[in-house]
Amino acid sequence: MKKSPIYFFKAFALLLVFSIMLWGCKDDDPNPLAQRINNLAGTWTVQSVTNDGTDVTNQFNGFQLAFTIEKTYTTTNGGNPWPASGTFDIQEDALDTIVRDGNTNITIVSISDSSMSLRFQVNGIRSIANLRSGITGSFTFSLTKTN
């Protein structure tokens, strides 16, 4: 018995439909930039702080850093290294660098769902409540995510 051309056309059309369905079901690659910002979003508390290799954690008791997906941040007890609030940016070609307030590069040394380590340089002393105080140098903040 000879199959009609319509049979072959239907079989081909069915195969084509299944192929398109399978191709459309493949997982989309996550956007690395959005994924990095989502990893940062939340409130982080201090575990340890070093300044030029010296432990200065006791100067940051109660320090908290909160990042939002809208690329803003707020801090509590940030001292000279951390303004009380501001904005940040991350470029797709430099996912391990946070640019804080457009002029401070912060290196993400490591990050997971529950911990993060940040390193950056502070060269100037900010005026806080009309007083000039604070420490400068190379800082490393080790943080734990609280939410």
C-alpha atoms as a PDB file:
ATOM      1  CA  MET A   1       0.000   0.000   0.000  1.00  0.00           C
ATOM      2  CA  LYS A   2       1.422   3.305  -1.092  1.00  0.00           C
ATOM      3  CA  LYS A   3       1.308   6.264   1.326  1.00  0.00           C
ATOM      4  CA  SER A   4      -0.147   9.467  -0.016  1.00  0.00           C
ATOM      5  CA  PRO A   5       1.836  12.739  -0.118  1.00  0.00           C
ATOM      6  CA  ILE A   6      -0.616  14.186   2.416  1.00  0.00           C
ATOM      7  CA  TYR A   7       0.441  11.517   4.933  1.00  0.00           C
ATOM      8  CA  PHE A   8       4.098  12.521   4.580  1.00  0.00           C
ATOM      9  CA  PHE A   9       3.199  16.215   4.854  1.00  0.00           C
ATOM     10  CA  LYS A  10       1.242  15.587   8.083  1.00  0.00           C
ATOM     11  CA  ALA A  11       4.087  13.523   9.524  1.00  0.00           C
ATOM     12  CA  PHE A  12       6.610  16.253   8.644  1.00  0.00           C
ATOM     13  CA  ALA A  13       4.363  18.981  10.097  1.00  0.00           C
ATOM     14  CA  LEU A  14       3.951  16.991  13.317  1.00  0.00           C
ATOM     15  CA  LEU A  15       7.704  16.447  13.574  1.00  0.00           C
ATOM     16  CA  LEU A  16       8.286  20.160  12.974  1.00  0.00           C
ATOM     17  CA  VAL A  17       5.791  21.147  15.696  1.00  0.00           C
ATOM     18  CA  PHE A  18       7.435  18.816  18.236  1.00  0.00           C
ATOM     19  CA  SER A  19      10.888  20.119  17.320  1.00  0.00           C
ATOM     20  CA  ILE A  20       9.791  23.724  17.830  1.00  0.00           C
ATOM     21  CA  MET A  21       8.194  22.830  21.163  1.00  0.00           C
ATOM     22  CA  LEU A  22      11.355  21.135  22.404  1.00  0.00           C
ATOM     23  CA  TRP A  23      13.543  23.999  21.215  1.00  0.00           C
ATOM     24  CA  GLY A  24      11.278  26.531  22.924  1.00  0.00           C
ATOM     25  CA  CYS A  25      11.484  24.651  26.231  1.00  0.00           C
ATOM     26  CA  LYS A  26      15.228  25.015  26.641  1.00  0.00           C
ATOM     27  CA  ASP A  27      16.288  26.969  29.712  1.00  0.00           C
ATOM     28  CA  ASP A  28      17.161  30.587  29.111  1.00  0.00           C
ATOM     29  CA  ASP A  29      20.634  31.547  30.219  1.00  0.00           C
ATOM     30  CA  PRO A  30      20.324  33.786  33.268  1.00  0.00           C
ATOM     31  CA  ASN A  31      21.447  37.365  32.816  1.00  0.00           C
ATOM     32  CA  PRO A  32      24.754  37.477  34.759  1.00  0.00           C
ATOM     33  CA  LEU A  33      24.357  41.161  35.661  1.00  0.00           C
ATOM     34  CA  ALA A  34      20.832  40.706  37.034  1.00  0.00           C
ATOM     35  CA  GLN A  35      21.976  37.592  38.867  1.00  0.00           C
ATOM     36  CA  ARG A  36      24.871  39.501  40.514  1.00  0.00           C
ATOM     37  CA  ILE A  37      22.567  42.344  41.618  1.00  0.00           C
ATOM     38  CA  ASN A  38      20.105  39.801  43.035  1.00  0.00           C
ATOM     39  CA  ASN A  39      22.985  38.153  44.935  1.00  0.00           C
ATOM     40  CA  LEU A  40      23.923  41.518  46.462  1.00  0.00           C
ATOM     41  CA  ALA A  41      20.365  42.575  47.342  1.00  0.00           C
ATOM     42  CA  GLY A  42      19.636  42.262  51.035  1.00  0.00           C
ATOM     43  CA  THR A  43      21.079  43.252  54.380  1.00  0.00           C
ATOM     44  CA  TRP A  44      24.630  42.274  55.291  1.00  0.00           C
ATOM     45  CA  THR A  45      26.179  42.416  58.775  1.00  0.00           C
ATOM     46  CA  VAL A  46      29.839  42.652  59.675  1.00  0.00           C
ATOM     47  CA  GLN A  47      31.864  39.593  60.611  1.00  0.00           C
ATOM     48  CA  SER A  48      35.301  41.182  60.369  1.00  0.00           C
ATOM     49  CA  VAL A  49      37.020  44.279  59.002  1.00  0.00           C
ATOM     50  CA  THR A  50      40.692  44.795  58.262  1.00  0.00           C
ATOM     51  CA  ASN A  51      42.437  48.051  57.435  1.00  0.00           C
ATOM     52  CA  ASP A  52      45.842  47.622  55.790  1.00  0.00           C
ATOM     53  CA  GLY A  53      45.929  44.095  57.246  1.00  0.00           C
ATOM     54  CA  THR A  54      45.083  45.156  60.820  1.00  0.00           C
ATOM     55  CA  ASP A  55      41.862  43.932  62.437  1.00  0.00           C
ATOM     56  CA  VAL A  56      39.604  46.950  63.073  1.00  0.00           C
ATOM     57  CA  THR A  57      36.319  45.060  63.491  1.00  0.00           C
ATOM     58  CA  ASN A  58      35.708  46.709  66.880  1.00  0.00           C
ATOM     59  CA  GLN A  59      35.432  50.090  65.114  1.00  0.00           C
ATOM     60  CA  PHE A  60      32.464  48.777  63.086  1.00  0.00           C
ATOM     61  CA  ASN A  61      30.277  47.238  65.810  1.00  0.00           C
ATOM     62  CA  GLY A  62      26.708  47.151  64.537  1.00  0.00           C
ATOM     63  CA  PHE A  63      27.761  47.812  60.932  1.00  0.00           C
ATOM     64  CA  GLN A  64      25.089  46.872  58.406  1.00  0.00           C
ATOM     65  CA  LEU A  65      25.066  47.296  54.653  1.00  0.00           C
ATOM     66  CA  ALA A  66      21.863  46.957  52.625  1.00  0.00           C
ATOM     67  CA  PHE A  67      21.834  46.748  48.820  1.00  0.00           C
ATOM     68  CA  THR A  68      18.645  46.969  46.725  1.00  0.00           C
ATOM     69  CA  ILE A  69      17.914  45.715  43.220  1.00  0.00           C
ATOM     70  CA  GLU A  70      17.308  49.371  42.317  1.00  0.00           C
ATOM     71  CA  LYS A  71      21.080  49.879  42.805  1.00  0.00           C
ATOM     72  CA  THR A  72      20.938  51.891  46.011  1.00  0.00           C
ATOM     73  CA  TYR A  73      22.571  51.135  49.340  1.00  0.00           C
ATOM     74  CA  THR A  74      22.272  52.223  52.965  1.00  0.00           C
ATOM     75  CA  THR A  75      24.614  51.646  55.882  1.00  0.00           C
ATOM     76  CA  THR A  76      24.549  51.770  59.650  1.00  0.00           C
ATOM     77  CA  ASN A  77      27.766  52.648  61.506  1.00  0.00           C
ATOM     78  CA  GLY A  78      29.804  52.815  58.292  1.00  0.00           C
ATOM     79  CA  GLY A  79      32.322  55.344  59.580  1.00  0.00           C
ATOM     80  CA  ASN A  80      34.662  56.945  57.066  1.00  0.00           C
ATOM     81  CA  PRO A  81      34.715  54.018  54.597  1.00  0.00           C
ATOM     82  CA  TRP A  82      30.931  53.859  54.069  1.00  0.00           C
ATOM     83  CA  PRO A  83      28.603  56.829  53.492  1.00  0.00           C
ATOM     84  CA  ALA A  84      25.147  56.468  55.077  1.00  0.00           C
ATOM     85  CA  SER A  85      23.502  55.982  51.672  1.00  0.00           C
ATOM     86  CA  GLY A  86      24.104  56.248  47.967  1.00  0.00           C
ATOM     87  CA  THR A  87      23.994  54.450  44.651  1.00  0.00           C
ATOM     88  CA  PHE A  88      26.064  51.726  43.061  1.00  0.00           C
ATOM     89  CA  ASP A  89      26.561  50.233  39.648  1.00  0.00           C
ATOM     90  CA  ILE A  90      28.004  47.049  38.201  1.00  0.00           C
ATOM     91  CA  GLN A  91      29.068  46.654  34.595  1.00  0.00           C
ATOM     92  CA  GLU A  92      28.352  43.449  32.697  1.00  0.00           C
ATOM     93  CA  ASP A  93      32.030  43.129  31.751  1.00  0.00           C
ATOM     94  CA  ALA A  94      33.185  43.576  35.390  1.00  0.00           C
ATOM     95  CA  LEU A  95      30.765  41.620  37.572  1.00  0.00           C
ATOM     96  CA  ASP A  96      33.217  41.508  40.484  1.00  0.00           C
ATOM     97  CA  THR A  97      33.487  45.304  40.759  1.00  0.00           C
ATOM     98  CA  ILE A  98      30.906  47.497  42.467  1.00  0.00           C
ATOM     99  CA  VAL A  99      31.226  51.178  41.546  1.00  0.00           C
ATOM    100  CA  ARG A 100      29.942  53.062  44.586  1.00  0.00           C
ATOM    101  CA  ASP A 101      28.620  56.594  44.063  1.00  0.00           C
ATOM    102  CA  GLY A 102      30.361  56.745  40.690  1.00  0.00           C
ATOM    103  CA  ASN A 103      33.882  57.017  42.078  1.00  0.00           C
ATOM    104  CA  THR A 104      34.836  54.182  44.443  1.00  0.00           C
ATOM    105  CA  ASN A 105      35.651  50.760  43.010  1.00  0.00           C
ATOM    106  CA  ILE A 106      34.872  47.925  45.411  1.00  0.00           C
ATOM    107  CA  THR A 107      36.152  44.458  44.538  1.00  0.00           C
ATOM    108  CA  ILE A 108      33.885  41.534  45.337  1.00  0.00           C
ATOM    109  CA  VAL A 109      36.530  39.108  46.609  1.00  0.00           C
ATOM    110  CA  SER A 110      33.956  36.371  47.183  1.00  0.00           C
ATOM    111  CA  ILE A 111      30.188  36.045  47.354  1.00  0.00           C
ATOM    112  CA  SER A 112      27.722  33.271  48.150  1.00  0.00           C
ATOM    113  CA  ASP A 113      24.097  33.149  49.241  1.00  0.00           C
ATOM    114  CA  SER A 114      25.142  33.774  52.854  1.00  0.00           C
ATOM    115  CA  SER A 115      28.522  35.543  52.901  1.00  0.00           C
ATOM    116  CA  MET A 116      30.516  38.131  51.015  1.00  0.00           C
ATOM    117  CA  SER A 117      33.946  39.738  51.186  1.00  0.00           C
ATOM    118  CA  LEU A 118      34.554  43.243  49.795  1.00  0.00           C
ATOM    119  CA  ARG A 119      37.876  45.062  49.351  1.00  0.00           C
ATOM    120  CA  PHE A 120      38.414  48.737  48.500  1.00  0.00           C
ATOM    121  CA  GLN A 121      40.691  51.699  49.061  1.00  0.00           C
ATOM    122  CA  VAL A 122      39.760  54.815  51.058  1.00  0.00           C
ATOM    123  CA  ASN A 123      42.076  57.743  50.373  1.00  0.00           C
ATOM    124  CA  GLY A 124      40.230  60.718  51.843  1.00  0.00           C
ATOM    125  CA  ILE A 125      38.537  61.524  55.100  1.00  0.00           C
ATOM    126  CA  ARG A 126      34.881  62.545  54.898  1.00  0.00           C
ATOM    127  CA  SER A 127      33.382  65.257  57.064  1.00  0.00           C
ATOM    128  CA  ILE A 128      30.794  63.732  59.362  1.00  0.00           C
ATOM    129  CA  ALA A 129      28.677  66.195  61.395  1.00  0.00           C
ATOM    130  CA  ASN A 130      31.186  68.963  60.606  1.00  0.00           C
ATOM    131  CA  LEU A 131      34.004  66.850  62.050  1.00  0.00           C
ATOM    132  CA  ARG A 132      36.801  65.334  60.028  1.00  0.00           C
ATOM    133  CA  SER A 133      37.575  61.919  61.355  1.00  0.00           C
ATOM    134  CA  GLY A 134      38.124  58.431  60.115  1.00  0.00           C
ATOM    135  CA  ILE A 135      40.708  56.035  58.885  1.00  0.00           C
ATOM    136  CA  THR A 136      42.016  55.582  55.377  1.00  0.00           C
ATOM    137  CA  GLY A 137      43.764  52.748  53.569  1.00  0.00           C
ATOM    138  CA  SER A 138      42.860  49.371  52.134  1.00  0.00           C
ATOM    139  CA  PHE A 139      39.737  47.860  53.714  1.00  0.00           C
ATOM    140  CA  THR A 140      38.393  44.323  53.565  1.00  0.00           C
ATOM    141  CA  PHE A 141      34.874  43.779  54.904  1.00  0.00           C
ATOM    142  CA  SER A 142      33.718  40.197  55.536  1.00  0.00           C
ATOM    143  CA  LEU A 143      29.933  40.154  55.765  1.00  0.00           C
ATOM    144  CA  THR A 144      27.085  37.738  56.463  1.00  0.00           C
ATOM    145  CA  LYS A 145      23.684  38.063  54.814  1.00  0.00           C
ATOM    146  CA  THR A 146      20.844  38.427  57.296  1.00  0.00           C
ATOM    147  CA  ASN A 147      17.948  38.471  54.804  1.00  0.00           C
END
